[in-house]
Amino acid sequence: MSELQKISKVLVVEGRDDTANLKRFFDCETYETGGSAINQTDLARLARLHETHGIVVFTDPDFQGERIRKIIMAAIPTCQHAFLRRSEAAPTGKGSLGIEHANSESLQTALAAFLSTDEMPVSKSDLTAHDLMTFGLTMGSDSRKRREFLGESLRIGYVNGKQLLKRLQLFSVSAKDVARVMQEYEKTRQL
C-alpha cells in the first residue's frame, strides 16, 4: 500500500463519515462539528487549532455546510477553505450531499493547495462591484445561474450577490479569471 499524502492543517468537517472518507486517502487530522450544531465551544477550539496548526474549512456543499462555513469564517476570518462541487458530493443512492461520498480524485482536486504546501500564495483580486454587474453576476435576470456556474467552475462554492465580491476577493480571483468563466457560461447557453 502506498503512503498517504499528508495534510498538515486540520480539516474542519461535519461528521465522522467525512473523516472516515478523508482518512482513506490522506494522512490528516479532522475536527468534526457534529453537523450544523456548531457552538461557541467549537469556535474556541477551532481558533486554538488555527493558531497552532491552521484550519481548512471543508464542509458539505449544501445549505448547512455553507451555514457552518459562514459561522466559522465570521469567528476566524483568516481560516482557509476547500470546496467540493455538488456533483462530486452526491450519494450513489438516496441521501444528502456530503464529503463522505466524494472519490479520491475529487478530494485530491479540492485539497490540492494543502497537499503541496502549507502556505497559500498571496495575491489580490482586482475585481470591483461594477465588474460583477458588467459580468451579469448581480442585478440581472439570470444572475443566480451565472453565480452558480462561476462558483462551480472556480470551486469556491455558491454565494448570493451581496457576498460574491467578498468571496472572490478572499480567493484572489482576478477579473480575467471571471471573464474566462463567463465566456464558458455564454458558450453553454448557446448549445
C-alpha atoms as a PDB file:
ATOM      1  CA  MET A   1       0.000   0.000   0.000  1.00  0.00           C
ATOM      2  CA  SER A   2       1.348   3.424  -0.916  1.00  0.00           C
ATOM      3  CA  GLU A   3       1.942   6.067   1.696  1.00  0.00           C
ATOM      4  CA  LEU A   4      -0.917   8.529   2.185  1.00  0.00           C
ATOM      5  CA  GLN A   5      -0.353  12.171   1.320  1.00  0.00           C
ATOM      6  CA  LYS A   6      -0.021  14.361   4.392  1.00  0.00           C
ATOM      7  CA  ILE A   7      -2.130  17.416   5.093  1.00  0.00           C
ATOM      8  CA  SER A   8      -0.602  19.373   7.956  1.00  0.00           C
ATOM      9  CA  LYS A   9      -3.569  21.662   8.546  1.00  0.00           C
ATOM     10  CA  VAL A  10      -6.657  20.454  10.404  1.00  0.00           C
ATOM     11  CA  LEU A  11      -9.647  19.827   8.134  1.00  0.00           C
ATOM     12  CA  VAL A  12     -12.936  21.041   9.599  1.00  0.00           C
ATOM     13  CA  VAL A  13     -15.697  18.653   8.536  1.00  0.00           C
ATOM     14  CA  GLU A  14     -19.248  17.990   9.638  1.00  0.00           C
ATOM     15  CA  GLY A  15     -19.152  14.379  10.784  1.00  0.00           C
ATOM     16  CA  ARG A  16     -17.328  11.095  11.311  1.00  0.00           C
ATOM     17  CA  ASP A  17     -18.280   9.716   7.885  1.00  0.00           C
ATOM     18  CA  ASP A  18     -16.475  12.694   6.322  1.00  0.00           C
ATOM     19  CA  THR A  19     -13.433  11.934   8.489  1.00  0.00           C
ATOM     20  CA  ALA A  20     -13.510   8.242   7.574  1.00  0.00           C
ATOM     21  CA  ASN A  21     -13.588   9.004   3.844  1.00  0.00           C
ATOM     22  CA  LEU A  22     -10.758  11.549   4.073  1.00  0.00           C
ATOM     23  CA  LYS A  23      -8.563   9.173   6.089  1.00  0.00           C
ATOM     24  CA  ARG A  24      -8.918   6.561   3.337  1.00  0.00           C
ATOM     25  CA  PHE A  25      -6.899   8.848   1.044  1.00  0.00           C
ATOM     26  CA  PHE A  26      -4.904  11.245   3.278  1.00  0.00           C
ATOM     27  CA  ASP A  27      -2.804  11.331   6.421  1.00  0.00           C
ATOM     28  CA  CYS A  28      -4.822  14.083   8.067  1.00  0.00           C
ATOM     29  CA  GLU A  29      -6.439  15.317  11.224  1.00  0.00           C
ATOM     30  CA  THR A  30     -10.039  16.481  11.265  1.00  0.00           C
ATOM     31  CA  TYR A  31     -12.283  18.413  13.589  1.00  0.00           C
ATOM     32  CA  GLU A  32     -15.927  17.343  13.383  1.00  0.00           C
ATOM     33  CA  THR A  33     -18.542  19.987  14.042  1.00  0.00           C
ATOM     34  CA  GLY A  34     -21.248  17.386  14.608  1.00  0.00           C
ATOM     35  CA  GLY A  35     -23.308  18.638  11.698  1.00  0.00           C
ATOM     36  CA  SER A  36     -24.942  22.030  11.979  1.00  0.00           C
ATOM     37  CA  ALA A  37     -24.667  22.113  15.776  1.00  0.00           C
ATOM     38  CA  ILE A  38     -21.574  24.355  15.877  1.00  0.00           C
ATOM     39  CA  ASN A  39     -21.348  26.340  19.108  1.00  0.00           C
ATOM     40  CA  GLN A  40     -19.037  28.730  20.981  1.00  0.00           C
ATOM     41  CA  THR A  41     -17.029  25.828  22.401  1.00  0.00           C
ATOM     42  CA  ASP A  42     -16.375  24.553  18.885  1.00  0.00           C
ATOM     43  CA  LEU A  43     -15.374  28.033  17.732  1.00  0.00           C
ATOM     44  CA  ALA A  44     -12.955  28.426  20.649  1.00  0.00           C
ATOM     45  CA  ARG A  45     -11.388  25.051  19.861  1.00  0.00           C
ATOM     46  CA  LEU A  46     -11.143  25.898  16.176  1.00  0.00           C
ATOM     47  CA  ALA A  47      -9.482  29.234  16.989  1.00  0.00           C
ATOM     48  CA  ARG A  48      -6.905  27.372  19.054  1.00  0.00           C
ATOM     49  CA  LEU A  49      -6.341  24.790  16.302  1.00  0.00           C
ATOM     50  CA  HIS A  50      -5.974  27.608  13.790  1.00  0.00           C
ATOM     51  CA  GLU A  51      -3.271  29.236  15.931  1.00  0.00           C
ATOM     52  CA  THR A  52      -1.324  26.006  16.343  1.00  0.00           C
ATOM     53  CA  HIS A  53      -1.863  24.147  13.048  1.00  0.00           C
ATOM     54  CA  GLY A  54      -4.056  26.191  10.734  1.00  0.00           C
ATOM     55  CA  ILE A  55      -7.524  25.055   9.740  1.00  0.00           C
ATOM     56  CA  VAL A  56      -9.177  24.361   6.400  1.00  0.00           C
ATOM     57  CA  VAL A  57     -12.977  24.511   6.400  1.00  0.00           C
ATOM     58  CA  PHE A  58     -14.187  21.608   4.231  1.00  0.00           C
ATOM     59  CA  THR A  59     -17.926  21.336   4.762  1.00  0.00           C
ATOM     60  CA  ASP A  60     -20.595  19.762   2.583  1.00  0.00           C
ATOM     61  CA  PRO A  61     -21.713  21.778  -0.497  1.00  0.00           C
ATOM     62  CA  ASP A  62     -25.235  22.340   0.784  1.00  0.00           C
ATOM     63  CA  PHE A  63     -27.158  24.882   2.855  1.00  0.00           C
ATOM     64  CA  GLN A  64     -25.992  23.554   6.237  1.00  0.00           C
ATOM     65  CA  GLY A  65     -22.379  23.262   5.088  1.00  0.00           C
ATOM     66  CA  GLU A  66     -22.406  26.853   3.866  1.00  0.00           C
ATOM     67  CA  ARG A  67     -24.040  27.960   7.124  1.00  0.00           C
ATOM     68  CA  ILE A  68     -21.267  26.323   9.161  1.00  0.00           C
ATOM     69  CA  ARG A  69     -18.625  27.824   6.845  1.00  0.00           C
ATOM     70  CA  LYS A  70     -20.044  31.336   7.376  1.00  0.00           C
ATOM     71  CA  ILE A  71     -20.136  30.944  11.164  1.00  0.00           C
ATOM     72  CA  ILE A  72     -16.508  29.798  11.237  1.00  0.00           C
ATOM     73  CA  MET A  73     -15.411  32.481   8.771  1.00  0.00           C
ATOM     74  CA  ALA A  74     -17.032  35.188  10.915  1.00  0.00           C
ATOM     75  CA  ALA A  75     -15.215  33.930  14.010  1.00  0.00           C
ATOM     76  CA  ILE A  76     -11.884  33.083  12.317  1.00  0.00           C
ATOM     77  CA  PRO A  77     -11.550  35.272   9.199  1.00  0.00           C
ATOM     78  CA  THR A  78      -8.045  34.015   8.363  1.00  0.00           C
ATOM     79  CA  CYS A  79      -9.051  30.350   8.118  1.00  0.00           C
ATOM     80  CA  GLN A  80      -8.637  28.668   4.745  1.00  0.00           C
ATOM     81  CA  HIS A  81     -11.270  26.895   2.676  1.00  0.00           C
ATOM     82  CA  ALA A  82     -11.659  23.932   0.346  1.00  0.00           C
ATOM     83  CA  PHE A  83     -14.758  23.126  -1.687  1.00  0.00           C
ATOM     84  CA  LEU A  84     -16.315  20.177  -3.446  1.00  0.00           C
ATOM     85  CA  ARG A  85     -18.755  20.603  -6.283  1.00  0.00           C
ATOM     86  CA  ARG A  86     -22.267  19.427  -5.532  1.00  0.00           C
ATOM     87  CA  SER A  87     -21.922  16.731  -8.202  1.00  0.00           C
ATOM     88  CA  GLU A  88     -18.761  15.418  -6.502  1.00  0.00           C
ATOM     89  CA  ALA A  89     -20.514  15.083  -3.136  1.00  0.00           C
ATOM     90  CA  ALA A  90     -23.657  13.365  -4.373  1.00  0.00           C
ATOM     91  CA  PRO A  91     -24.534   9.952  -2.941  1.00  0.00           C
ATOM     92  CA  THR A  92     -24.903   6.993  -5.304  1.00  0.00           C
ATOM     93  CA  GLY A  93     -28.365   6.253  -3.931  1.00  0.00           C
ATOM     94  CA  LYS A  94     -30.602   8.168  -1.576  1.00  0.00           C
ATOM     95  CA  GLY A  95     -29.143  10.544   0.944  1.00  0.00           C
ATOM     96  CA  SER A  96     -27.797  14.033   1.266  1.00  0.00           C
ATOM     97  CA  LEU A  97     -24.720  15.643  -0.239  1.00  0.00           C
ATOM     98  CA  GLY A  98     -21.544  15.038   1.714  1.00  0.00           C
ATOM     99  CA  ILE A  99     -17.765  14.865   1.772  1.00  0.00           C
ATOM    100  CA  GLU A 100     -18.227  11.184   2.676  1.00  0.00           C
ATOM    101  CA  HIS A 101     -19.432  10.463  -0.878  1.00  0.00           C
ATOM    102  CA  ALA A 102     -16.501  12.050  -2.736  1.00  0.00           C
ATOM    103  CA  ASN A 103     -13.987   9.917  -4.593  1.00  0.00           C
ATOM    104  CA  SER A 104     -10.208  10.209  -4.360  1.00  0.00           C
ATOM    105  CA  GLU A 105      -9.846  12.328  -7.500  1.00  0.00           C
ATOM    106  CA  SER A 106     -12.400  14.901  -6.356  1.00  0.00           C
ATOM    107  CA  LEU A 107     -10.830  15.135  -2.907  1.00  0.00           C
ATOM    108  CA  GLN A 108      -7.337  15.480  -4.424  1.00  0.00           C
ATOM    109  CA  THR A 109      -8.534  18.368  -6.591  1.00  0.00           C
ATOM    110  CA  ALA A 110     -10.352  20.133  -3.756  1.00  0.00           C
ATOM    111  CA  LEU A 111      -7.405  19.791  -1.360  1.00  0.00           C
ATOM    112  CA  ALA A 112      -4.538  20.207  -3.851  1.00  0.00           C
ATOM    113  CA  ALA A 113      -3.379  23.533  -2.402  1.00  0.00           C
ATOM    114  CA  PHE A 114      -2.962  21.949   1.017  1.00  0.00           C
ATOM    115  CA  LEU A 115      -1.064  18.870  -0.178  1.00  0.00           C
ATOM    116  CA  SER A 116       1.834  20.656  -1.805  1.00  0.00           C
ATOM    117  CA  THR A 117       2.499  23.479   0.636  1.00  0.00           C
ATOM    118  CA  ASP A 118       1.433  24.878   3.978  1.00  0.00           C
ATOM    119  CA  GLU A 119       1.077  28.393   2.636  1.00  0.00           C
ATOM    120  CA  MET A 120      -1.368  29.676   0.087  1.00  0.00           C
ATOM    121  CA  PRO A 121       0.007  32.184  -2.407  1.00  0.00           C
ATOM    122  CA  VAL A 122      -0.732  35.778  -1.513  1.00  0.00           C
ATOM    123  CA  SER A 123      -2.326  37.784  -4.278  1.00  0.00           C
ATOM    124  CA  LYS A 124      -5.044  40.358  -4.511  1.00  0.00           C
ATOM    125  CA  SER A 125      -8.176  40.452  -6.573  1.00  0.00           C
ATOM    126  CA  ASP A 126      -8.706  43.383  -8.940  1.00  0.00           C
ATOM    127  CA  LEU A 127     -12.484  42.890  -9.063  1.00  0.00           C
ATOM    128  CA  THR A 128     -14.980  45.621  -8.202  1.00  0.00           C
ATOM    129  CA  ALA A 129     -18.737  45.640  -7.626  1.00  0.00           C
ATOM    130  CA  HIS A 130     -19.078  47.307 -11.037  1.00  0.00           C
ATOM    131  CA  ASP A 131     -17.259  44.335 -12.632  1.00  0.00           C
ATOM    132  CA  LEU A 132     -19.802  41.974 -11.115  1.00  0.00           C
ATOM    133  CA  MET A 133     -22.663  43.892 -12.715  1.00  0.00           C
ATOM    134  CA  THR A 134     -20.805  44.023 -16.044  1.00  0.00           C
ATOM    135  CA  PHE A 135     -20.373  40.226 -15.983  1.00  0.00           C
ATOM    136  CA  GLY A 136     -24.090  39.832 -15.173  1.00  0.00           C
ATOM    137  CA  LEU A 137     -23.360  38.302 -11.771  1.00  0.00           C
ATOM    138  CA  THR A 138     -25.543  40.804  -9.921  1.00  0.00           C
ATOM    139  CA  MET A 139     -28.753  42.659 -10.757  1.00  0.00           C
ATOM    140  CA  GLY A 140     -29.547  40.595 -13.857  1.00  0.00           C
ATOM    141  CA  SER A 141     -32.370  38.243 -14.745  1.00  0.00           C
ATOM    142  CA  ASP A 142     -30.026  35.224 -14.807  1.00  0.00           C
ATOM    143  CA  SER A 143     -27.525  36.412 -12.167  1.00  0.00           C
ATOM    144  CA  ARG A 144     -28.197  33.453  -9.869  1.00  0.00           C
ATOM    145  CA  LYS A 145     -27.446  30.948 -12.652  1.00  0.00           C
ATOM    146  CA  ARG A 146     -24.293  32.877 -13.530  1.00  0.00           C
ATOM    147  CA  ARG A 147     -23.118  32.864  -9.889  1.00  0.00           C
ATOM    148  CA  GLU A 148     -23.833  29.129  -9.602  1.00  0.00           C
ATOM    149  CA  PHE A 149     -21.808  28.475 -12.761  1.00  0.00           C
ATOM    150  CA  LEU A 150     -18.964  30.705 -11.532  1.00  0.00           C
ATOM    151  CA  GLY A 151     -18.891  29.062  -8.088  1.00  0.00           C
ATOM    152  CA  GLU A 152     -18.806  25.567  -9.610  1.00  0.00           C
ATOM    153  CA  SER A 153     -16.178  26.467 -12.195  1.00  0.00           C
ATOM    154  CA  LEU A 154     -13.846  28.189  -9.738  1.00  0.00           C
ATOM    155  CA  ARG A 155     -14.579  25.694  -6.925  1.00  0.00           C
ATOM    156  CA  ILE A 156     -15.418  28.449  -4.466  1.00  0.00           C
ATOM    157  CA  GLY A 157     -18.998  27.475  -3.648  1.00  0.00           C
ATOM    158  CA  TYR A 158     -22.199  29.412  -4.228  1.00  0.00           C
ATOM    159  CA  VAL A 159     -22.925  32.759  -2.572  1.00  0.00           C
ATOM    160  CA  ASN A 160     -25.579  35.388  -3.120  1.00  0.00           C
ATOM    161  CA  GLY A 161     -24.879  38.647  -4.938  1.00  0.00           C
ATOM    162  CA  LYS A 162     -24.125  40.542  -1.731  1.00  0.00           C
ATOM    163  CA  GLN A 163     -21.407  38.085  -0.679  1.00  0.00           C
ATOM    164  CA  LEU A 164     -19.903  37.401  -4.107  1.00  0.00           C
ATOM    165  CA  LEU A 165     -17.287  40.171  -4.221  1.00  0.00           C
ATOM    166  CA  LYS A 166     -16.043  39.247  -0.757  1.00  0.00           C
ATOM    167  CA  ARG A 167     -15.762  35.550  -1.702  1.00  0.00           C
ATOM    168  CA  LEU A 168     -13.936  36.315  -4.976  1.00  0.00           C
ATOM    169  CA  GLN A 169     -11.514  38.604  -3.152  1.00  0.00           C
ATOM    170  CA  LEU A 170     -10.961  36.002  -0.430  1.00  0.00           C
ATOM    171  CA  PHE A 171      -9.841  33.568  -3.111  1.00  0.00           C
ATOM    172  CA  SER A 172      -7.847  36.186  -5.047  1.00  0.00           C
ATOM    173  CA  VAL A 173      -9.896  35.671  -8.192  1.00  0.00           C
ATOM    174  CA  SER A 174      -8.997  38.175 -10.913  1.00  0.00           C
ATOM    175  CA  ALA A 175     -11.279  39.929 -13.382  1.00  0.00           C
ATOM    176  CA  LYS A 176      -9.508  37.933 -16.109  1.00  0.00           C
ATOM    177  CA  ASP A 177     -10.486  34.652 -14.376  1.00  0.00           C
ATOM    178  CA  VAL A 178     -14.116  35.748 -14.104  1.00  0.00           C
ATOM    179  CA  ALA A 179     -14.158  36.865 -17.756  1.00  0.00           C
ATOM    180  CA  ARG A 180     -12.880  33.433 -18.837  1.00  0.00           C
ATOM    181  CA  VAL A 181     -15.570  31.612 -16.842  1.00  0.00           C
ATOM    182  CA  MET A 182     -18.316  33.912 -18.097  1.00  0.00           C
ATOM    183  CA  GLN A 183     -17.210  33.217 -21.690  1.00  0.00           C
ATOM    184  CA  GLU A 184     -17.627  29.493 -20.924  1.00  0.00           C
ATOM    185  CA  TYR A 185     -21.071  30.233 -19.478  1.00  0.00           C
ATOM    186  CA  GLU A 186     -22.117  32.041 -22.660  1.00  0.00           C
ATOM    187  CA  LYS A 187     -20.977  29.044 -24.742  1.00  0.00           C
ATOM    188  CA  THR A 188     -23.128  26.675 -22.657  1.00  0.00           C
ATOM    189  CA  ARG A 189     -26.166  28.909 -23.180  1.00  0.00           C
ATOM    190  CA  GLN A 190     -25.724  28.764 -26.954  1.00  0.00           C
ATOM    191  CA  LEU A 191     -25.751  24.954 -27.040  1.00  0.00           C
END
